[in-house]
Amino acid sequence: MNSPVLYTVDDGVATITLNRPDTMNSLDTATKVALREHVLDAAAATGVRAVLLTGSGRAFCVGQDLNEHAESLAEDDADLGATVQDHYSPVAFTLATMSKPVIAAVNGVAAGAGAAFAFACDVRIMADTAGYNLAFAAIGLSCDSGSSWTLPRLVGWARARELLLMPRTVKADEALALGLATEVVPADTVLARAGELARQLAAGPTLAYGAIRQALAFSAANGLAESLANEGDLMRFTGSTEDHRAAVTAFLGKQTPEFHAR
C-alpha cells in the first residue's frame, strides 16, 4: 500500500490506482515511472480484458508534482520535454490505443495531465463532486499528455481553445454536458459504478473493442477513402475470429454469447 501506484487484476479487469492521496495524487518521478509501467503491463497482459484508472483519496490526479519540479528549477535541472517524452506521452498513448477498453473512475479533481489521462480513456465515470482543470497555461506551460489531440475531439475546437487558454474548473454537471463525462454519479459510488462497467466490458468482445478503438484513432488522422479501407481490414480480422463465429451461432440460437478473445 506504500507504492505510489497500485495495480490489481480481478475478473479480467486491471485496476490502476494513483496512490499519493496526501499530495492529491500529484505526479513525482517515482509515480510517473510506476504509472507508465503499470499501464504498459495492463496493455500487454493477455489476462487483462479491460482497464480501470482511478485515484485514492479526494483527487483523481492533479498532474505534475510542483514541489519536485520547483526543486529541479532551483537546481537548473528541469527538462519538461524529457519527462513528457519519457513519462506522460507513453501513458497517454497507451491508454488511448491499447487493444482493450479503458475506463476512468474520476473520483475527484483531475487537473493538467490528470485530466488528459482521463480524456484518453473510452469512458469517464465522474463523481458529482469532481472537476476538471486544464491548468497548464496557469503556470506558464503548454499542454501535454495528449490533451491537444483528445480535448478538441471531445468538445470541439472552440471550446478546447477556451478551456486550454483560460483554465478554470469544469464541474461535473458541465463536464457531462460537454462530453467530458460519460456518467455523473454520487461520489461514494463512483468506483463501484466504474468497476461494474469495467467487468461488463471485460466479459464482452474485447477483440472487437480493440478494433473499434483502432478504427476511431485511424480515422482521426486520415481521409474517408483510407478510413474505409482500414475498416475493411479490421472487419476482415474480426470476422475471422472465434468470438464472431460463436456470437453469430448464439444469436441464431437465441442464446447469450460468450467471448474469449480468440
C-alpha atoms as a PDB file:
ATOM      1  CA  MET A   1       0.000   0.000   0.000  1.00  0.00           C
ATOM      2  CA  ASN A   2       3.022   2.316   0.189  1.00  0.00           C
ATOM      3  CA  SER A   3       3.531   2.139  -3.558  1.00  0.00           C
ATOM      4  CA  PRO A   4       2.691   5.403  -5.374  1.00  0.00           C
ATOM      5  CA  VAL A   5       0.595   3.401  -7.856  1.00  0.00           C
ATOM      6  CA  LEU A   6      -1.389   0.268  -7.013  1.00  0.00           C
ATOM      7  CA  TYR A   7      -2.100  -2.469  -9.547  1.00  0.00           C
ATOM      8  CA  THR A   8      -4.558  -5.327  -9.180  1.00  0.00           C
ATOM      9  CA  VAL A   9      -6.263  -7.707 -11.603  1.00  0.00           C
ATOM     10  CA  ASP A  10      -9.646  -9.259 -10.852  1.00  0.00           C
ATOM     11  CA  ASP A  11     -12.254 -10.753 -13.203  1.00  0.00           C
ATOM     12  CA  GLY A  12     -10.175  -9.678 -16.185  1.00  0.00           C
ATOM     13  CA  VAL A  13     -10.086  -6.037 -15.037  1.00  0.00           C
ATOM     14  CA  ALA A  14      -6.769  -4.362 -14.239  1.00  0.00           C
ATOM     15  CA  THR A  15      -7.324  -1.569 -11.728  1.00  0.00           C
ATOM     16  CA  ILE A  16      -4.589   1.070 -11.653  1.00  0.00           C
ATOM     17  CA  THR A  17      -4.852   3.400  -8.658  1.00  0.00           C
ATOM     18  CA  LEU A  18      -2.736   6.501  -8.172  1.00  0.00           C
ATOM     19  CA  ASN A  19      -1.848   6.284  -4.507  1.00  0.00           C
ATOM     20  CA  ARG A  20      -0.469   9.573  -3.201  1.00  0.00           C
ATOM     21  CA  PRO A  21      -3.601  10.927  -1.506  1.00  0.00           C
ATOM     22  CA  ASP A  22      -1.664  13.389   0.666  1.00  0.00           C
ATOM     23  CA  THR A  23      -0.494  15.176  -2.497  1.00  0.00           C
ATOM     24  CA  MET A  24      -3.795  14.742  -4.361  1.00  0.00           C
ATOM     25  CA  ASN A  25      -2.060  12.083  -6.465  1.00  0.00           C
ATOM     26  CA  SER A  26       0.397  14.529  -7.990  1.00  0.00           C
ATOM     27  CA  LEU A  27       2.969  13.008 -10.296  1.00  0.00           C
ATOM     28  CA  ASP A  28       6.523  12.939  -8.990  1.00  0.00           C
ATOM     29  CA  THR A  29       9.120  10.933 -10.886  1.00  0.00           C
ATOM     30  CA  ALA A  30       8.549   7.679  -8.990  1.00  0.00           C
ATOM     31  CA  THR A  31       4.802   7.909  -9.603  1.00  0.00           C
ATOM     32  CA  LYS A  32       5.225   8.687 -13.298  1.00  0.00           C
ATOM     33  CA  VAL A  33       7.518   5.702 -13.764  1.00  0.00           C
ATOM     34  CA  ALA A  34       5.218   3.342 -11.851  1.00  0.00           C
ATOM     35  CA  LEU A  35       2.138   4.579 -13.710  1.00  0.00           C
ATOM     36  CA  ARG A  36       3.822   4.128 -17.078  1.00  0.00           C
ATOM     37  CA  GLU A  37       4.946   0.595 -16.244  1.00  0.00           C
ATOM     38  CA  HIS A  38       1.552  -0.484 -14.924  1.00  0.00           C
ATOM     39  CA  VAL A  39      -0.277   0.943 -17.935  1.00  0.00           C
ATOM     40  CA  LEU A  40       2.129  -0.858 -20.282  1.00  0.00           C
ATOM     41  CA  ASP A  41       1.728  -4.075 -18.272  1.00  0.00           C
ATOM     42  CA  ALA A  42      -2.061  -3.861 -18.446  1.00  0.00           C
ATOM     43  CA  ALA A  43      -1.951  -3.264 -22.196  1.00  0.00           C
ATOM     44  CA  ALA A  44       0.282  -6.299 -22.767  1.00  0.00           C
ATOM     45  CA  ALA A  45      -1.271  -8.773 -20.318  1.00  0.00           C
ATOM     46  CA  THR A  46      -3.375 -11.416 -22.067  1.00  0.00           C
ATOM     47  CA  GLY A  47      -5.404 -11.988 -18.903  1.00  0.00           C
ATOM     48  CA  VAL A  48      -6.456  -8.333 -18.763  1.00  0.00           C
ATOM     49  CA  ARG A  49      -9.584  -7.597 -20.805  1.00  0.00           C
ATOM     50  CA  ALA A  50     -10.388  -4.097 -19.511  1.00  0.00           C
ATOM     51  CA  VAL A  51      -8.542  -1.412 -17.559  1.00  0.00           C
ATOM     52  CA  LEU A  52      -9.827   0.898 -14.839  1.00  0.00           C
ATOM     53  CA  LEU A  53      -7.830   4.011 -13.881  1.00  0.00           C
ATOM     54  CA  THR A  54      -8.603   5.914 -10.677  1.00  0.00           C
ATOM     55  CA  GLY A  55      -7.089   7.781  -7.753  1.00  0.00           C
ATOM     56  CA  SER A  56      -7.064   7.345  -3.986  1.00  0.00           C
ATOM     57  CA  GLY A  57      -8.404   9.896  -1.548  1.00  0.00           C
ATOM     58  CA  ARG A  58     -10.182  13.056  -2.698  1.00  0.00           C
ATOM     59  CA  ALA A  59      -8.408  13.560  -6.021  1.00  0.00           C
ATOM     60  CA  PHE A  60      -8.082  11.666  -9.272  1.00  0.00           C
ATOM     61  CA  CYS A  61      -4.764  13.296 -10.210  1.00  0.00           C
ATOM     62  CA  VAL A  62      -3.664  16.938 -10.157  1.00  0.00           C
ATOM     63  CA  GLY A  63      -0.815  16.487 -12.640  1.00  0.00           C
ATOM     64  CA  GLN A  64       2.844  17.297 -12.163  1.00  0.00           C
ATOM     65  CA  ASP A  65       4.196  17.401  -8.602  1.00  0.00           C
ATOM     66  CA  LEU A  66       5.133  21.082  -8.471  1.00  0.00           C
ATOM     67  CA  ASN A  67       7.194  20.692  -5.292  1.00  0.00           C
ATOM     68  CA  GLU A  68       9.532  18.269  -7.032  1.00  0.00           C
ATOM     69  CA  HIS A  69       9.507  20.436 -10.135  1.00  0.00           C
ATOM     70  CA  ALA A  70      10.373  23.571  -8.136  1.00  0.00           C
ATOM     71  CA  GLU A  71      13.418  21.798  -6.720  1.00  0.00           C
ATOM     72  CA  SER A  72      14.520  20.916 -10.251  1.00  0.00           C
ATOM     73  CA  LEU A  73      14.052  24.538 -11.339  1.00  0.00           C
ATOM     74  CA  ALA A  74      16.106  25.752  -8.396  1.00  0.00           C
ATOM     75  CA  GLU A  75      18.911  23.390  -9.399  1.00  0.00           C
ATOM     76  CA  ASP A  76      18.541  24.401 -13.069  1.00  0.00           C
ATOM     77  CA  ASP A  77      17.879  20.742 -13.816  1.00  0.00           C
ATOM     78  CA  ALA A  78      14.289  20.850 -15.090  1.00  0.00           C
ATOM     79  CA  ASP A  79      13.603  19.360 -18.517  1.00  0.00           C
ATOM     80  CA  LEU A  80       9.867  19.097 -19.008  1.00  0.00           C
ATOM     81  CA  GLY A  81      10.370  17.965 -22.591  1.00  0.00           C
ATOM     82  CA  ALA A  82      12.191  14.881 -21.315  1.00  0.00           C
ATOM     83  CA  THR A  83       9.512  13.917 -18.800  1.00  0.00           C
ATOM     84  CA  VAL A  84       6.812  14.423 -21.442  1.00  0.00           C
ATOM     85  CA  GLN A  85       8.684  12.089 -23.785  1.00  0.00           C
ATOM     86  CA  ASP A  86       9.640   9.535 -21.136  1.00  0.00           C
ATOM     87  CA  HIS A  87       6.529   9.509 -18.942  1.00  0.00           C
ATOM     88  CA  TYR A  88       3.446  11.474 -19.932  1.00  0.00           C
ATOM     89  CA  SER A  89       3.302  10.641 -23.626  1.00  0.00           C
ATOM     90  CA  PRO A  90       3.724   6.852 -23.213  1.00  0.00           C
ATOM     91  CA  VAL A  91       0.950   6.788 -20.602  1.00  0.00           C
ATOM     92  CA  ALA A  92      -1.468   8.840 -22.713  1.00  0.00           C
ATOM     93  CA  PHE A  93      -0.670   6.968 -25.922  1.00  0.00           C
ATOM     94  CA  THR A  94      -1.089   3.546 -24.329  1.00  0.00           C
ATOM     95  CA  LEU A  95      -4.334   4.476 -22.593  1.00  0.00           C
ATOM     96  CA  ALA A  96      -5.737   5.737 -25.887  1.00  0.00           C
ATOM     97  CA  THR A  97      -4.538   2.936 -28.164  1.00  0.00           C
ATOM     98  CA  MET A  98      -4.337  -0.345 -26.217  1.00  0.00           C
ATOM     99  CA  SER A  99      -6.484  -3.096 -27.697  1.00  0.00           C
ATOM    100  CA  LYS A 100      -8.900  -3.226 -24.769  1.00  0.00           C
ATOM    101  CA  PRO A 101     -11.391  -0.762 -23.254  1.00  0.00           C
ATOM    102  CA  VAL A 102     -10.240   1.726 -20.629  1.00  0.00           C
ATOM    103  CA  ILE A 103     -12.491   3.304 -18.001  1.00  0.00           C
ATOM    104  CA  ALA A 104     -11.608   6.278 -15.814  1.00  0.00           C
ATOM    105  CA  ALA A 105     -13.217   6.496 -12.395  1.00  0.00           C
ATOM    106  CA  VAL A 106     -12.781  10.233 -11.837  1.00  0.00           C
ATOM    107  CA  ASN A 107     -13.232  10.263  -8.084  1.00  0.00           C
ATOM    108  CA  GLY A 108     -12.124  13.871  -7.539  1.00  0.00           C
ATOM    109  CA  VAL A 109     -10.317  16.775  -9.121  1.00  0.00           C
ATOM    110  CA  ALA A 110      -8.419  15.953 -12.322  1.00  0.00           C
ATOM    111  CA  ALA A 111      -6.020  18.689 -13.401  1.00  0.00           C
ATOM    112  CA  GLY A 112      -3.339  19.059 -16.042  1.00  0.00           C
ATOM    113  CA  ALA A 113      -2.009  15.663 -17.055  1.00  0.00           C
ATOM    114  CA  GLY A 114      -4.539  14.050 -14.730  1.00  0.00           C
ATOM    115  CA  ALA A 115      -7.389  15.464 -16.793  1.00  0.00           C
ATOM    116  CA  ALA A 116      -5.627  14.493 -20.012  1.00  0.00           C
ATOM    117  CA  PHE A 117      -5.237  10.890 -18.846  1.00  0.00           C
ATOM    118  CA  ALA A 118      -8.984  10.738 -18.181  1.00  0.00           C
ATOM    119  CA  PHE A 119      -9.670  12.146 -21.658  1.00  0.00           C
ATOM    120  CA  ALA A 120      -7.575   9.342 -23.199  1.00  0.00           C
ATOM    121  CA  CYS A 121      -9.946   6.738 -21.748  1.00  0.00           C
ATOM    122  CA  ASP A 122     -13.039   5.415 -23.507  1.00  0.00           C
ATOM    123  CA  VAL A 123     -15.443   6.046 -20.648  1.00  0.00           C
ATOM    124  CA  ARG A 124     -15.292   8.526 -17.772  1.00  0.00           C
ATOM    125  CA  ILE A 125     -17.437   7.810 -14.708  1.00  0.00           C
ATOM    126  CA  MET A 126     -17.271  11.046 -12.729  1.00  0.00           C
ATOM    127  CA  ALA A 127     -18.110  11.802  -9.120  1.00  0.00           C
ATOM    128  CA  ASP A 128     -20.630  14.600  -8.657  1.00  0.00           C
ATOM    129  CA  THR A 129     -18.038  16.391  -6.517  1.00  0.00           C
ATOM    130  CA  ALA A 130     -15.229  16.087  -9.096  1.00  0.00           C
ATOM    131  CA  GLY A 131     -13.994  18.587 -11.656  1.00  0.00           C
ATOM    132  CA  TYR A 132     -11.506  19.062 -14.478  1.00  0.00           C
ATOM    133  CA  ASN A 133      -8.991  21.869 -14.835  1.00  0.00           C
ATOM    134  CA  LEU A 134      -6.684  22.237 -17.846  1.00  0.00           C
ATOM    135  CA  ALA A 135      -4.255  24.139 -15.664  1.00  0.00           C
ATOM    136  CA  PHE A 136      -1.209  24.179 -17.959  1.00  0.00           C
ATOM    137  CA  ALA A 137      -1.360  27.857 -19.005  1.00  0.00           C
ATOM    138  CA  ALA A 138      -1.962  28.951 -15.419  1.00  0.00           C
ATOM    139  CA  ILE A 139       1.654  28.036 -14.647  1.00  0.00           C
ATOM    140  CA  GLY A 140       3.048  29.246 -17.958  1.00  0.00           C
ATOM    141  CA  LEU A 141       3.159  25.928 -19.778  1.00  0.00           C
ATOM    142  CA  SER A 142       1.891  24.428 -22.988  1.00  0.00           C
ATOM    143  CA  CYS A 143      -0.341  21.352 -22.835  1.00  0.00           C
ATOM    144  CA  ASP A 144       0.729  17.709 -22.780  1.00  0.00           C
ATOM    145  CA  SER A 145      -0.423  14.120 -22.262  1.00  0.00           C
ATOM    146  CA  GLY A 146      -2.414  14.160 -25.476  1.00  0.00           C
ATOM    147  CA  SER A 147      -4.771  16.964 -24.414  1.00  0.00           C
ATOM    148  CA  SER A 148      -4.185  18.845 -27.682  1.00  0.00           C
ATOM    149  CA  TRP A 149      -5.471  15.725 -29.505  1.00  0.00           C
ATOM    150  CA  THR A 150      -8.200  14.373 -27.240  1.00  0.00           C
ATOM    151  CA  LEU A 151      -9.821  17.569 -25.974  1.00  0.00           C
ATOM    152  CA  PRO A 152     -10.835  19.034 -29.378  1.00  0.00           C
ATOM    153  CA  ARG A 153     -12.276  15.660 -30.360  1.00  0.00           C
ATOM    154  CA  LEU A 154     -14.365  15.549 -27.206  1.00  0.00           C
ATOM    155  CA  VAL A 155     -15.628  19.140 -27.020  1.00  0.00           C
ATOM    156  CA  GLY A 156     -14.785  20.788 -30.375  1.00  0.00           C
ATOM    157  CA  TRP A 157     -12.026  23.190 -31.350  1.00  0.00           C
ATOM    158  CA  ALA A 158     -13.571  26.384 -29.995  1.00  0.00           C
ATOM    159  CA  ARG A 159     -14.323  25.018 -26.541  1.00  0.00           C
ATOM    160  CA  ALA A 160     -10.940  23.255 -26.375  1.00  0.00           C
ATOM    161  CA  ARG A 161      -9.186  26.558 -27.019  1.00  0.00           C
ATOM    162  CA  GLU A 162     -11.254  28.216 -24.308  1.00  0.00           C
ATOM    163  CA  LEU A 163     -10.509  25.536 -21.718  1.00  0.00           C
ATOM    164  CA  LEU A 164      -6.783  25.495 -22.502  1.00  0.00           C
ATOM    165  CA  LEU A 165      -6.218  29.243 -22.879  1.00  0.00           C
ATOM    166  CA  MET A 166      -8.425  30.274 -19.932  1.00  0.00           C
ATOM    167  CA  PRO A 167      -8.128  27.459 -17.386  1.00  0.00           C
ATOM    168  CA  ARG A 168     -10.965  27.037 -14.913  1.00  0.00           C
ATOM    169  CA  THR A 169     -12.610  24.218 -13.026  1.00  0.00           C
ATOM    170  CA  VAL A 170     -15.213  22.399 -15.094  1.00  0.00           C
ATOM    171  CA  LYS A 171     -17.590  20.880 -12.576  1.00  0.00           C
ATOM    172  CA  ALA A 172     -19.230  17.521 -13.064  1.00  0.00           C
ATOM    173  CA  ASP A 173     -22.560  18.736 -14.431  1.00  0.00           C
ATOM    174  CA  GLU A 174     -20.871  20.879 -17.073  1.00  0.00           C
ATOM    175  CA  ALA A 175     -18.419  18.074 -17.863  1.00  0.00           C
ATOM    176  CA  LEU A 176     -21.371  15.793 -18.583  1.00  0.00           C
ATOM    177  CA  ALA A 177     -22.958  18.376 -20.879  1.00  0.00           C
ATOM    178  CA  LEU A 178     -19.668  18.895 -22.730  1.00  0.00           C
ATOM    179  CA  GLY A 179     -18.988  15.186 -23.224  1.00  0.00           C
ATOM    180  CA  LEU A 180     -16.079  15.062 -20.772  1.00  0.00           C
ATOM    181  CA  ALA A 181     -18.034  12.667 -18.544  1.00  0.00           C
ATOM    182  CA  THR A 182     -19.978   9.603 -19.608  1.00  0.00           C
ATOM    183  CA  GLU A 183     -21.911   9.427 -16.350  1.00  0.00           C
ATOM    184  CA  VAL A 184     -22.002  11.505 -13.180  1.00  0.00           C
ATOM    185  CA  VAL A 185     -22.732   9.552 -10.008  1.00  0.00           C
ATOM    186  CA  PRO A 186     -22.596  10.215  -6.256  1.00  0.00           C
ATOM    187  CA  ALA A 187     -19.002  10.353  -5.059  1.00  0.00           C
ATOM    188  CA  ASP A 188     -19.341   7.321  -2.826  1.00  0.00           C
ATOM    189  CA  THR A 189     -20.458   5.142  -5.758  1.00  0.00           C
ATOM    190  CA  VAL A 190     -18.036   6.221  -8.481  1.00  0.00           C
ATOM    191  CA  LEU A 191     -15.577   3.344  -8.082  1.00  0.00           C
ATOM    192  CA  ALA A 192     -18.342   0.738  -7.779  1.00  0.00           C
ATOM    193  CA  ARG A 193     -20.085   2.012 -10.913  1.00  0.00           C
ATOM    194  CA  ALA A 194     -16.840   2.170 -12.880  1.00  0.00           C
ATOM    195  CA  GLY A 195     -15.923  -1.329 -11.715  1.00  0.00           C
ATOM    196  CA  GLU A 196     -19.325  -2.651 -12.741  1.00  0.00           C
ATOM    197  CA  LEU A 197     -18.902  -1.204 -16.217  1.00  0.00           C
ATOM    198  CA  ALA A 198     -15.312  -2.456 -16.476  1.00  0.00           C
ATOM    199  CA  ARG A 199     -16.402  -6.008 -15.643  1.00  0.00           C
ATOM    200  CA  GLN A 200     -19.219  -5.759 -18.182  1.00  0.00           C
ATOM    201  CA  LEU A 201     -16.777  -4.696 -20.899  1.00  0.00           C
ATOM    202  CA  ALA A 202     -14.225  -7.315 -19.835  1.00  0.00           C
ATOM    203  CA  ALA A 203     -16.842 -10.007 -20.432  1.00  0.00           C
ATOM    204  CA  GLY A 204     -17.597  -8.640 -23.885  1.00  0.00           C
ATOM    205  CA  PRO A 205     -15.993  -8.932 -27.353  1.00  0.00           C
ATOM    206  CA  THR A 206     -12.648  -7.393 -26.464  1.00  0.00           C
ATOM    207  CA  LEU A 207     -11.102  -8.117 -29.868  1.00  0.00           C
ATOM    208  CA  ALA A 208     -13.906  -6.123 -31.437  1.00  0.00           C
ATOM    209  CA  TYR A 209     -13.462  -3.355 -28.875  1.00  0.00           C
ATOM    210  CA  GLY A 210      -9.779  -3.140 -29.718  1.00  0.00           C
ATOM    211  CA  ALA A 211     -10.515  -2.993 -33.452  1.00  0.00           C
ATOM    212  CA  ILE A 212     -13.092  -0.232 -32.915  1.00  0.00           C
ATOM    213  CA  ARG A 213     -10.533   1.774 -30.936  1.00  0.00           C
ATOM    214  CA  GLN A 214      -8.043   1.335 -33.778  1.00  0.00           C
ATOM    215  CA  ALA A 215     -10.622   2.397 -36.367  1.00  0.00           C
ATOM    216  CA  LEU A 216     -11.507   5.559 -34.481  1.00  0.00           C
ATOM    217  CA  ALA A 217      -7.879   6.541 -33.939  1.00  0.00           C
ATOM    218  CA  PHE A 218      -7.049   5.905 -37.610  1.00  0.00           C
ATOM    219  CA  SER A 219      -9.989   7.921 -38.901  1.00  0.00           C
ATOM    220  CA  ALA A 220      -8.998  10.920 -36.780  1.00  0.00           C
ATOM    221  CA  ALA A 221      -5.863  11.400 -38.872  1.00  0.00           C
ATOM    222  CA  ASN A 222      -6.896  10.011 -42.287  1.00  0.00           C
ATOM    223  CA  GLY A 223      -9.437  10.697 -45.006  1.00  0.00           C
ATOM    224  CA  LEU A 224     -12.621   8.830 -45.848  1.00  0.00           C
ATOM    225  CA  ALA A 225     -11.097   6.559 -48.501  1.00  0.00           C
ATOM    226  CA  GLU A 226      -8.260   5.481 -46.228  1.00  0.00           C
ATOM    227  CA  SER A 227     -10.640   5.001 -43.299  1.00  0.00           C
ATOM    228  CA  LEU A 228     -12.955   2.831 -45.387  1.00  0.00           C
ATOM    229  CA  ALA A 229     -10.004   0.661 -46.429  1.00  0.00           C
ATOM    230  CA  ASN A 230      -8.859   0.387 -42.803  1.00  0.00           C
ATOM    231  CA  GLU A 231     -12.377  -0.587 -41.743  1.00  0.00           C
ATOM    232  CA  GLY A 232     -12.271  -3.353 -44.326  1.00  0.00           C
ATOM    233  CA  ASP A 233      -9.020  -4.691 -42.907  1.00  0.00           C
ATOM    234  CA  LEU A 234     -10.350  -4.617 -39.357  1.00  0.00           C
ATOM    235  CA  MET A 235     -13.629  -6.213 -40.390  1.00  0.00           C
ATOM    236  CA  ARG A 236     -11.703  -8.987 -42.135  1.00  0.00           C
ATOM    237  CA  PHE A 237      -9.745  -9.574 -38.927  1.00  0.00           C
ATOM    238  CA  THR A 238     -12.717  -9.546 -36.535  1.00  0.00           C
ATOM    239  CA  GLY A 239     -14.825 -11.564 -38.972  1.00  0.00           C
ATOM    240  CA  SER A 240     -12.281 -14.385 -38.821  1.00  0.00           C
ATOM    241  CA  THR A 241     -12.265 -14.688 -35.026  1.00  0.00           C
ATOM    242  CA  GLU A 242     -13.788 -17.459 -32.947  1.00  0.00           C
ATOM    243  CA  ASP A 243     -15.632 -14.778 -30.977  1.00  0.00           C
ATOM    244  CA  HIS A 244     -17.501 -13.639 -34.090  1.00  0.00           C
ATOM    245  CA  ARG A 245     -18.441 -17.162 -35.170  1.00  0.00           C
ATOM    246  CA  ALA A 246     -19.622 -18.095 -31.694  1.00  0.00           C
ATOM    247  CA  ALA A 247     -21.625 -14.876 -31.351  1.00  0.00           C
ATOM    248  CA  VAL A 248     -23.446 -15.475 -34.650  1.00  0.00           C
ATOM    249  CA  THR A 249     -24.272 -19.028 -33.611  1.00  0.00           C
ATOM    250  CA  ALA A 250     -25.502 -17.819 -30.222  1.00  0.00           C
ATOM    251  CA  PHE A 251     -27.609 -15.085 -31.828  1.00  0.00           C
ATOM    252  CA  LEU A 252     -29.298 -17.517 -34.210  1.00  0.00           C
ATOM    253  CA  GLY A 253     -29.907 -19.893 -31.316  1.00  0.00           C
ATOM    254  CA  LYS A 254     -31.323 -17.090 -29.157  1.00  0.00           C
ATOM    255  CA  GLN A 255     -28.564 -17.612 -26.609  1.00  0.00           C
ATOM    256  CA  THR A 256     -26.196 -15.237 -24.836  1.00  0.00           C
ATOM    257  CA  PRO A 257     -22.753 -15.310 -26.472  1.00  0.00           C
ATOM    258  CA  GLU A 258     -19.547 -15.886 -24.530  1.00  0.00           C
ATOM    259  CA  PHE A 259     -16.386 -14.130 -25.682  1.00  0.00           C
ATOM    260  CA  HIS A 260     -12.852 -15.461 -25.160  1.00  0.00           C
ATOM    261  CA  ALA A 261     -10.701 -13.004 -27.166  1.00  0.00           C
ATOM    262  CA  ARG A 262      -9.892 -15.613 -29.789  1.00  0.00           C
END
